[in-house]
Amino acid sequence: MLLNLTVLEADYANATHADAIITVLDTYARDPMGGGAPLSDYAKTHLVTALADRPHLFSVLAFNENEAIGLVNCVEGFSTFACRPLVNIHDITVIPAYRGRGVAANMLAHVEQLARARGACKLTLEVLEGNQRAARLYAASGFAAYQLDPAMGRAHFLQKWLD
């Protein structure tokens, strides 16, 4: 299957883009790498509006012809040490039938262009230990474990649920 790939920044006001975000994110949520459960009806109904309401968020979509096949959701943060913005890649996913075909690499390159245009000093992301395919892609794309001083070791991503 040949790809006619288009990668672009999502326009949250565009109904096609809004549908693509929900469809691709729901597919990811149902995957073991995304938690194995569908998006809630609340998230499906409110997510795109909530994204649009926050200027520090942006999304990148990949289409094969008119089919949405990939999504990256990004959050602009701030590096106090660099005194510049940073961009955290919060979600990155490709529909299973299209994995391993360069879609994620193309989306990452587009995210990097957008981050540079925002003046960001770095990109950050997290990856599950068992997702070796993604870890190889991220390494090939220039990502490395975060550390300030090798003697202190690598940083670990932690979470605490509030609800």
N, C-alpha and C. Protein backbone atom coordinates (compact mmCIF):
# COMPACT_ATOMS: atom_id res chain seq x y z
N MET A 1 0.85 -1.18 0.00
CA MET A 1 0.00 0.00 0.00
C MET A 1 0.90 1.24 0.00
N LEU A 2 0.85 1.99 -1.05
CA LEU A 2 1.61 3.23 -1.15
C LEU A 2 0.94 4.33 -0.35
N LEU A 3 1.76 5.19 0.22
CA LEU A 3 1.23 6.32 0.98
C LEU A 3 1.26 7.59 0.16
N ASN A 4 0.17 8.32 0.23
CA ASN A 4 0.12 9.68 -0.27
C ASN A 4 -0.02 10.54 0.98
N LEU A 5 1.10 10.72 1.67
CA LEU A 5 1.12 11.28 3.02
C LEU A 5 1.07 12.80 3.02
N THR A 6 0.18 13.33 3.85
CA THR A 6 0.11 14.76 4.13
C THR A 6 0.22 14.92 5.64
N VAL A 7 1.15 15.75 6.09
CA VAL A 7 1.32 16.04 7.52
C VAL A 7 1.13 17.54 7.69
N LEU A 8 0.27 17.91 8.67
CA LEU A 8 -0.05 19.32 8.85
C LEU A 8 -0.44 19.61 10.29
N GLU A 9 -0.36 20.89 10.64
CA GLU A 9 -0.85 21.31 11.95
C GLU A 9 -2.37 21.30 11.90
N ALA A 10 -2.99 20.71 12.90
CA ALA A 10 -4.45 20.62 12.94
C ALA A 10 -5.06 21.99 13.16
N ASP A 11 -6.18 22.21 12.50
CA ASP A 11 -7.02 23.39 12.71
C ASP A 11 -8.22 22.90 13.51
N TYR A 12 -8.28 23.25 14.78
CA TYR A 12 -9.34 22.74 15.66
C TYR A 12 -10.73 23.17 15.21
N ALA A 13 -10.84 24.22 14.43
CA ALA A 13 -12.13 24.68 13.92
C ALA A 13 -12.56 23.93 12.66
N ASN A 14 -11.68 23.12 12.10
CA ASN A 14 -11.97 22.35 10.90
C ASN A 14 -12.60 21.02 11.32
N ALA A 15 -13.83 20.76 10.88
CA ALA A 15 -14.56 19.56 11.29
C ALA A 15 -13.82 18.28 10.90
N THR A 16 -13.19 18.27 9.75
CA THR A 16 -12.43 17.08 9.33
C THR A 16 -11.28 16.83 10.27
N HIS A 17 -10.57 17.88 10.66
CA HIS A 17 -9.45 17.74 11.58
C HIS A 17 -9.95 17.32 12.97
N ALA A 18 -11.04 17.92 13.41
CA ALA A 18 -11.61 17.57 14.72
C ALA A 18 -11.99 16.10 14.76
N ASP A 19 -12.66 15.62 13.73
CA ASP A 19 -13.03 14.20 13.67
C ASP A 19 -11.80 13.32 13.64
N ALA A 20 -10.78 13.74 12.90
CA ALA A 20 -9.55 12.95 12.81
C ALA A 20 -8.88 12.83 14.18
N ILE A 21 -8.83 13.92 14.92
CA ILE A 21 -8.22 13.90 16.25
C ILE A 21 -8.91 12.87 17.13
N ILE A 22 -10.22 12.91 17.17
CA ILE A 22 -10.97 11.98 18.02
C ILE A 22 -10.82 10.54 17.53
N THR A 23 -10.92 10.32 16.24
CA THR A 23 -10.83 8.96 15.70
C THR A 23 -9.47 8.33 15.97
N VAL A 24 -8.41 9.07 15.66
CA VAL A 24 -7.07 8.52 15.84
C VAL A 24 -6.73 8.38 17.32
N LEU A 25 -7.10 9.36 18.14
CA LEU A 25 -6.81 9.27 19.57
C LEU A 25 -7.59 8.13 20.21
N ASP A 26 -8.83 7.91 19.79
CA ASP A 26 -9.61 6.80 20.34
C ASP A 26 -8.97 5.46 19.95
N THR A 27 -8.48 5.35 18.73
CA THR A 27 -7.79 4.13 18.32
C THR A 27 -6.56 3.90 19.19
N TYR A 28 -5.82 4.96 19.46
CA TYR A 28 -4.65 4.87 20.33
C TYR A 28 -5.05 4.48 21.75
N ALA A 29 -6.09 5.10 22.28
CA ALA A 29 -6.53 4.79 23.63
C ALA A 29 -6.89 3.32 23.78
N ARG A 30 -7.44 2.71 22.75
CA ARG A 30 -7.85 1.31 22.78
C ARG A 30 -6.66 0.34 22.65
N ASP A 31 -5.53 0.83 22.16
CA ASP A 31 -4.32 0.03 21.99
C ASP A 31 -3.67 -0.20 23.36
N PRO A 32 -2.99 -1.33 23.57
CA PRO A 32 -2.31 -1.53 24.85
C PRO A 32 -1.32 -0.41 25.19
N MET A 33 -0.70 0.20 24.19
CA MET A 33 0.24 1.30 24.44
C MET A 33 -0.48 2.56 24.90
N GLY A 34 -1.79 2.63 24.66
CA GLY A 34 -2.57 3.80 25.07
C GLY A 34 -3.46 3.53 26.27
N GLY A 35 -3.33 2.36 26.87
CA GLY A 35 -4.12 2.04 28.06
C GLY A 35 -5.17 0.97 27.86
N GLY A 36 -5.54 0.68 26.62
CA GLY A 36 -6.45 -0.42 26.33
C GLY A 36 -7.92 -0.14 26.57
N ALA A 37 -8.32 1.12 26.69
CA ALA A 37 -9.73 1.46 26.90
C ALA A 37 -10.10 2.63 25.99
N PRO A 38 -11.32 2.64 25.47
CA PRO A 38 -11.72 3.73 24.58
C PRO A 38 -11.78 5.07 25.32
N LEU A 39 -11.73 6.15 24.54
CA LEU A 39 -11.94 7.47 25.12
C LEU A 39 -13.34 7.52 25.72
N SER A 40 -13.49 8.27 26.78
CA SER A 40 -14.82 8.46 27.38
C SER A 40 -15.69 9.29 26.43
N ASP A 41 -16.99 9.16 26.59
CA ASP A 41 -17.90 9.99 25.81
C ASP A 41 -17.64 11.47 26.09
N TYR A 42 -17.29 11.78 27.33
CA TYR A 42 -16.98 13.17 27.68
C TYR A 42 -15.79 13.68 26.87
N ALA A 43 -14.71 12.89 26.82
CA ALA A 43 -13.52 13.30 26.06
C ALA A 43 -13.85 13.44 24.58
N LYS A 44 -14.60 12.49 24.04
CA LYS A 44 -14.95 12.57 22.62
C LYS A 44 -15.74 13.84 22.30
N THR A 45 -16.60 14.25 23.21
CA THR A 45 -17.45 15.41 23.00
C THR A 45 -16.72 16.73 23.22
N HIS A 46 -15.82 16.77 24.20
CA HIS A 46 -15.24 18.04 24.64
C HIS A 46 -13.77 18.27 24.28
N LEU A 47 -13.07 17.24 23.86
CA LEU A 47 -11.62 17.36 23.70
C LEU A 47 -11.20 18.46 22.72
N VAL A 48 -11.74 18.46 21.54
CA VAL A 48 -11.27 19.41 20.53
C VAL A 48 -11.54 20.85 20.96
N THR A 49 -12.68 21.11 21.58
CA THR A 49 -12.98 22.45 22.09
C THR A 49 -11.99 22.83 23.19
N ALA A 50 -11.68 21.88 24.07
CA ALA A 50 -10.72 22.15 25.14
C ALA A 50 -9.33 22.42 24.58
N LEU A 51 -8.93 21.68 23.55
CA LEU A 51 -7.64 21.94 22.91
C LEU A 51 -7.62 23.35 22.31
N ALA A 52 -8.69 23.70 21.62
CA ALA A 52 -8.77 25.00 20.95
C ALA A 52 -8.75 26.16 21.95
N ASP A 53 -9.26 25.93 23.15
CA ASP A 53 -9.32 26.98 24.17
C ASP A 53 -7.96 27.26 24.81
N ARG A 54 -6.97 26.44 24.53
CA ARG A 54 -5.67 26.58 25.18
C ARG A 54 -4.59 26.88 24.13
N PRO A 55 -4.12 28.11 24.05
CA PRO A 55 -3.17 28.49 23.00
C PRO A 55 -1.81 27.81 23.13
N HIS A 56 -1.53 27.20 24.27
CA HIS A 56 -0.25 26.52 24.47
C HIS A 56 -0.30 25.05 24.01
N LEU A 57 -1.41 24.64 23.40
CA LEU A 57 -1.55 23.29 22.86
C LEU A 57 -1.62 23.35 21.35
N PHE A 58 -1.07 22.33 20.68
CA PHE A 58 -1.26 22.19 19.25
C PHE A 58 -1.16 20.72 18.88
N SER A 59 -1.72 20.39 17.75
CA SER A 59 -1.74 19.01 17.27
C SER A 59 -1.25 18.95 15.84
N VAL A 60 -0.68 17.82 15.49
CA VAL A 60 -0.24 17.54 14.13
C VAL A 60 -0.95 16.28 13.68
N LEU A 61 -1.47 16.32 12.47
CA LEU A 61 -2.19 15.18 11.89
C LEU A 61 -1.45 14.66 10.66
N ALA A 62 -1.59 13.36 10.43
CA ALA A 62 -1.09 12.74 9.20
C ALA A 62 -2.28 12.10 8.50
N PHE A 63 -2.37 12.33 7.22
CA PHE A 63 -3.42 11.75 6.39
C PHE A 63 -2.79 10.96 5.25
N ASN A 64 -3.40 9.83 4.92
CA ASN A 64 -3.11 9.12 3.68
C ASN A 64 -4.33 9.34 2.81
N GLU A 65 -4.15 10.15 1.77
CA GLU A 65 -5.30 10.63 0.99
C GLU A 65 -6.22 11.35 1.96
N ASN A 66 -7.46 10.88 2.15
CA ASN A 66 -8.40 11.52 3.08
C ASN A 66 -8.55 10.78 4.39
N GLU A 67 -7.75 9.73 4.59
CA GLU A 67 -7.85 8.93 5.81
C GLU A 67 -6.86 9.44 6.85
N ALA A 68 -7.37 9.77 8.05
CA ALA A 68 -6.50 10.18 9.15
C ALA A 68 -5.76 8.95 9.66
N ILE A 69 -4.42 9.03 9.69
CA ILE A 69 -3.64 7.86 10.09
C ILE A 69 -2.66 8.14 11.22
N GLY A 70 -2.48 9.39 11.61
CA GLY A 70 -1.54 9.70 12.68
C GLY A 70 -1.88 10.99 13.39
N LEU A 71 -1.43 11.08 14.63
CA LEU A 71 -1.72 12.24 15.48
C LEU A 71 -0.59 12.46 16.46
N VAL A 72 -0.24 13.72 16.65
CA VAL A 72 0.65 14.14 17.74
C VAL A 72 -0.03 15.30 18.45
N ASN A 73 -0.20 15.17 19.76
CA ASN A 73 -0.71 16.27 20.58
C ASN A 73 0.45 16.83 21.39
N CYS A 74 0.61 18.14 21.35
CA CYS A 74 1.75 18.80 21.97
C CYS A 74 1.32 19.86 22.97
N VAL A 75 2.13 20.04 24.00
CA VAL A 75 1.88 21.03 25.04
C VAL A 75 3.12 21.90 25.17
N GLU A 76 2.95 23.20 24.98
CA GLU A 76 4.08 24.10 25.18
C GLU A 76 4.26 24.35 26.66
N GLY A 77 5.46 24.09 27.12
CA GLY A 77 5.83 24.38 28.50
C GLY A 77 6.91 25.45 28.51
N PHE A 78 7.68 25.48 29.58
CA PHE A 78 8.71 26.51 29.71
C PHE A 78 9.91 25.94 30.43
N SER A 79 11.09 26.16 29.87
CA SER A 79 12.34 25.79 30.52
C SER A 79 12.86 26.99 31.29
N THR A 80 12.90 26.88 32.60
CA THR A 80 13.41 27.99 33.40
C THR A 80 14.91 28.14 33.21
N PHE A 81 15.63 27.04 33.03
CA PHE A 81 17.08 27.13 32.86
C PHE A 81 17.42 27.83 31.55
N ALA A 82 16.68 27.56 30.48
CA ALA A 82 16.94 28.19 29.18
C ALA A 82 16.17 29.50 29.02
N CYS A 83 15.17 29.72 29.87
CA CYS A 83 14.28 30.88 29.78
C CYS A 83 13.66 30.96 28.38
N ARG A 84 13.19 29.79 27.93
CA ARG A 84 12.56 29.68 26.62
C ARG A 84 11.48 28.61 26.69
N PRO A 85 10.56 28.65 25.74
CA PRO A 85 9.55 27.59 25.71
C PRO A 85 10.19 26.24 25.39
N LEU A 86 9.47 25.18 25.74
CA LEU A 86 9.79 23.83 25.32
C LEU A 86 8.48 23.22 24.84
N VAL A 87 8.56 22.16 24.07
CA VAL A 87 7.35 21.49 23.60
C VAL A 87 7.40 20.04 24.04
N ASN A 88 6.39 19.66 24.80
CA ASN A 88 6.24 18.27 25.22
C ASN A 88 5.28 17.56 24.27
N ILE A 89 5.74 16.47 23.72
CA ILE A 89 4.89 15.62 22.89
C ILE A 89 4.11 14.73 23.84
N HIS A 90 2.84 15.05 24.02
CA HIS A 90 2.03 14.34 25.00
C HIS A 90 1.48 13.03 24.43
N ASP A 91 1.01 13.04 23.20
CA ASP A 91 0.52 11.84 22.52
C ASP A 91 1.17 11.78 21.16
N ILE A 92 1.59 10.60 20.76
CA ILE A 92 2.00 10.37 19.39
C ILE A 92 1.54 8.97 19.01
N THR A 93 0.80 8.88 17.93
CA THR A 93 0.28 7.59 17.53
C THR A 93 0.05 7.53 16.03
N VAL A 94 0.14 6.32 15.52
CA VAL A 94 -0.14 6.01 14.13
C VAL A 94 -1.10 4.83 14.12
N ILE A 95 -2.12 4.88 13.28
CA ILE A 95 -3.07 3.78 13.13
C ILE A 95 -2.26 2.50 12.84
N PRO A 96 -2.57 1.38 13.51
CA PRO A 96 -1.75 0.16 13.38
C PRO A 96 -1.40 -0.27 11.95
N ALA A 97 -2.32 -0.18 11.03
CA ALA A 97 -2.04 -0.63 9.66
C ALA A 97 -0.97 0.20 8.97
N TYR A 98 -0.64 1.38 9.51
CA TYR A 98 0.32 2.28 8.88
C TYR A 98 1.63 2.40 9.65
N ARG A 99 1.78 1.66 10.72
CA ARG A 99 3.00 1.74 11.53
C ARG A 99 4.18 1.16 10.76
N GLY A 100 5.36 1.68 11.06
CA GLY A 100 6.57 1.20 10.43
C GLY A 100 6.79 1.71 9.02
N ARG A 101 6.07 2.75 8.64
CA ARG A 101 6.15 3.27 7.27
C ARG A 101 6.59 4.73 7.21
N GLY A 102 7.15 5.24 8.31
CA GLY A 102 7.70 6.59 8.30
C GLY A 102 6.71 7.68 8.68
N VAL A 103 5.49 7.32 9.02
CA VAL A 103 4.48 8.34 9.36
C VAL A 103 4.89 9.09 10.62
N ALA A 104 5.25 8.37 11.67
CA ALA A 104 5.62 9.02 12.93
C ALA A 104 6.86 9.90 12.75
N ALA A 105 7.84 9.44 11.98
CA ALA A 105 9.04 10.25 11.74
C ALA A 105 8.69 11.55 11.03
N ASN A 106 7.78 11.47 10.07
CA ASN A 106 7.35 12.69 9.37
C ASN A 106 6.61 13.63 10.32
N MET A 107 5.76 13.09 11.19
CA MET A 107 5.05 13.94 12.14
C MET A 107 6.03 14.58 13.13
N LEU A 108 7.02 13.81 13.61
CA LEU A 108 8.01 14.37 14.52
C LEU A 108 8.78 15.51 13.87
N ALA A 109 9.13 15.35 12.62
CA ALA A 109 9.84 16.43 11.90
C ALA A 109 8.97 17.68 11.80
N HIS A 110 7.68 17.49 11.58
CA HIS A 110 6.77 18.64 11.50
C HIS A 110 6.63 19.31 12.87
N VAL A 111 6.51 18.50 13.91
CA VAL A 111 6.45 19.06 15.28
C VAL A 111 7.71 19.86 15.56
N GLU A 112 8.86 19.35 15.16
CA GLU A 112 10.11 20.07 15.40
C GLU A 112 10.10 21.42 14.68
N GLN A 113 9.61 21.46 13.46
CA GLN A 113 9.52 22.74 12.74
C GLN A 113 8.63 23.73 13.48
N LEU A 114 7.48 23.25 13.95
CA LEU A 114 6.56 24.13 14.68
C LEU A 114 7.16 24.59 16.00
N ALA A 115 7.86 23.69 16.68
CA ALA A 115 8.50 24.04 17.95
C ALA A 115 9.58 25.11 17.74
N ARG A 116 10.37 24.94 16.69
CA ARG A 116 11.41 25.94 16.38
C ARG A 116 10.76 27.30 16.07
N ALA A 117 9.65 27.28 15.35
CA ALA A 117 8.95 28.53 15.03
C ALA A 117 8.42 29.21 16.29
N ARG A 118 8.13 28.43 17.33
CA ARG A 118 7.67 28.98 18.60
C ARG A 118 8.84 29.42 19.48
N GLY A 119 10.05 29.19 19.02
CA GLY A 119 11.23 29.56 19.80
C GLY A 119 11.59 28.55 20.87
N ALA A 120 11.10 27.34 20.75
CA ALA A 120 11.35 26.32 21.77
C ALA A 120 12.81 25.88 21.79
N CYS A 121 13.29 25.58 22.98
CA CYS A 121 14.67 25.14 23.14
C CYS A 121 14.81 23.62 23.04
N LYS A 122 13.71 22.89 23.26
CA LYS A 122 13.79 21.44 23.18
C LYS A 122 12.40 20.83 23.05
N LEU A 123 12.42 19.56 22.65
CA LEU A 123 11.23 18.71 22.62
C LEU A 123 11.39 17.67 23.72
N THR A 124 10.30 17.31 24.36
CA THR A 124 10.32 16.23 25.34
C THR A 124 9.20 15.26 25.01
N LEU A 125 9.36 14.02 25.46
CA LEU A 125 8.31 13.02 25.33
C LEU A 125 8.60 11.90 26.31
N GLU A 126 7.64 11.01 26.45
CA GLU A 126 7.82 9.82 27.28
C GLU A 126 7.50 8.61 26.42
N VAL A 127 8.09 7.48 26.77
CA VAL A 127 7.83 6.23 26.05
C VAL A 127 7.83 5.09 27.06
N LEU A 128 6.91 4.16 26.88
CA LEU A 128 6.86 2.99 27.74
C LEU A 128 8.06 2.09 27.47
N GLU A 129 8.62 1.48 28.52
CA GLU A 129 9.79 0.62 28.37
C GLU A 129 9.57 -0.48 27.35
N GLY A 130 8.36 -1.02 27.29
CA GLY A 130 8.07 -2.13 26.39
C GLY A 130 7.83 -1.71 24.94
N ASN A 131 7.79 -0.42 24.67
CA ASN A 131 7.53 0.05 23.31
C ASN A 131 8.87 0.31 22.61
N GLN A 132 9.57 -0.79 22.32
CA GLN A 132 10.91 -0.69 21.74
C GLN A 132 10.91 -0.09 20.34
N ARG A 133 9.86 -0.36 19.57
CA ARG A 133 9.79 0.21 18.21
C ARG A 133 9.77 1.73 18.29
N ALA A 134 8.94 2.28 19.18
CA ALA A 134 8.88 3.74 19.33
C ALA A 134 10.20 4.27 19.89
N ALA A 135 10.78 3.58 20.86
CA ALA A 135 12.04 4.03 21.45
C ALA A 135 13.14 4.12 20.39
N ARG A 136 13.17 3.16 19.47
CA ARG A 136 14.17 3.21 18.38
C ARG A 136 13.92 4.42 17.47
N LEU A 137 12.65 4.67 17.16
CA LEU A 137 12.32 5.83 16.33
C LEU A 137 12.76 7.11 17.02
N TYR A 138 12.46 7.25 18.31
CA TYR A 138 12.81 8.46 19.03
C TYR A 138 14.32 8.65 19.07
N ALA A 139 15.06 7.58 19.31
CA ALA A 139 16.53 7.67 19.31
C ALA A 139 17.04 8.09 17.94
N ALA A 140 16.48 7.51 16.89
CA ALA A 140 16.89 7.86 15.52
C ALA A 140 16.53 9.31 15.20
N SER A 141 15.51 9.85 15.89
CA SER A 141 15.08 11.24 15.67
C SER A 141 15.82 12.23 16.57
N GLY A 142 16.78 11.74 17.36
CA GLY A 142 17.61 12.61 18.17
C GLY A 142 17.24 12.72 19.63
N PHE A 143 16.24 11.97 20.09
CA PHE A 143 15.85 12.01 21.50
C PHE A 143 16.78 11.12 22.32
N ALA A 144 17.03 11.54 23.55
CA ALA A 144 17.87 10.77 24.47
C ALA A 144 17.31 10.94 25.87
N ALA A 145 17.70 10.01 26.76
CA ALA A 145 17.27 10.09 28.15
C ALA A 145 17.72 11.42 28.75
N TYR A 146 16.90 11.99 29.61
CA TYR A 146 17.18 13.29 30.21
C TYR A 146 18.05 13.13 31.44
N GLN A 147 19.13 13.89 31.46
CA GLN A 147 19.98 13.98 32.65
C GLN A 147 20.72 15.30 32.63
N LEU A 148 20.94 15.84 33.80
CA LEU A 148 21.72 17.07 33.92
C LEU A 148 23.19 16.74 34.16
N ASP A 149 23.43 15.77 35.04
CA ASP A 149 24.78 15.35 35.41
C ASP A 149 24.79 13.83 35.39
N PRO A 150 25.61 13.22 34.55
CA PRO A 150 25.62 11.75 34.48
C PRO A 150 25.81 11.08 35.83
N ALA A 151 26.52 11.73 36.75
CA ALA A 151 26.72 11.15 38.08
C ALA A 151 25.41 11.04 38.85
N MET A 152 24.43 11.88 38.50
CA MET A 152 23.14 11.85 39.20
C MET A 152 22.15 10.92 38.52
N GLY A 153 22.48 10.42 37.34
CA GLY A 153 21.61 9.47 36.64
C GLY A 153 20.55 10.15 35.79
N ARG A 154 19.70 9.30 35.24
CA ARG A 154 18.64 9.77 34.35
C ARG A 154 17.40 10.16 35.14
N ALA A 155 16.65 11.08 34.57
CA ALA A 155 15.38 11.49 35.17
C ALA A 155 14.33 10.41 34.88
N HIS A 156 13.37 10.28 35.76
CA HIS A 156 12.24 9.36 35.58
C HIS A 156 10.97 10.18 35.48
N PHE A 157 10.08 9.77 34.60
CA PHE A 157 8.78 10.41 34.47
C PHE A 157 7.86 9.80 35.51
N LEU A 158 7.23 10.62 36.33
CA LEU A 158 6.34 10.17 37.40
C LEU A 158 4.98 10.83 37.22
N GLN A 159 3.97 10.24 37.83
CA GLN A 159 2.64 10.85 37.81
C GLN A 159 1.95 10.63 39.15
N LYS A 160 0.99 11.49 39.43
CA LYS A 160 0.11 11.37 40.59
C LYS A 160 -1.27 11.80 40.14
N TRP A 161 -2.22 10.87 40.10
CA TRP A 161 -3.59 11.19 39.70
C TRP A 161 -4.27 12.01 40.77
N LEU A 162 -5.00 13.04 40.36
CA LEU A 162 -5.72 13.89 41.30
C LEU A 162 -7.21 13.58 41.33
N ASP A 163 -7.70 12.81 40.41
CA ASP A 163 -9.12 12.41 40.40
C ASP A 163 -9.23 10.92 40.57
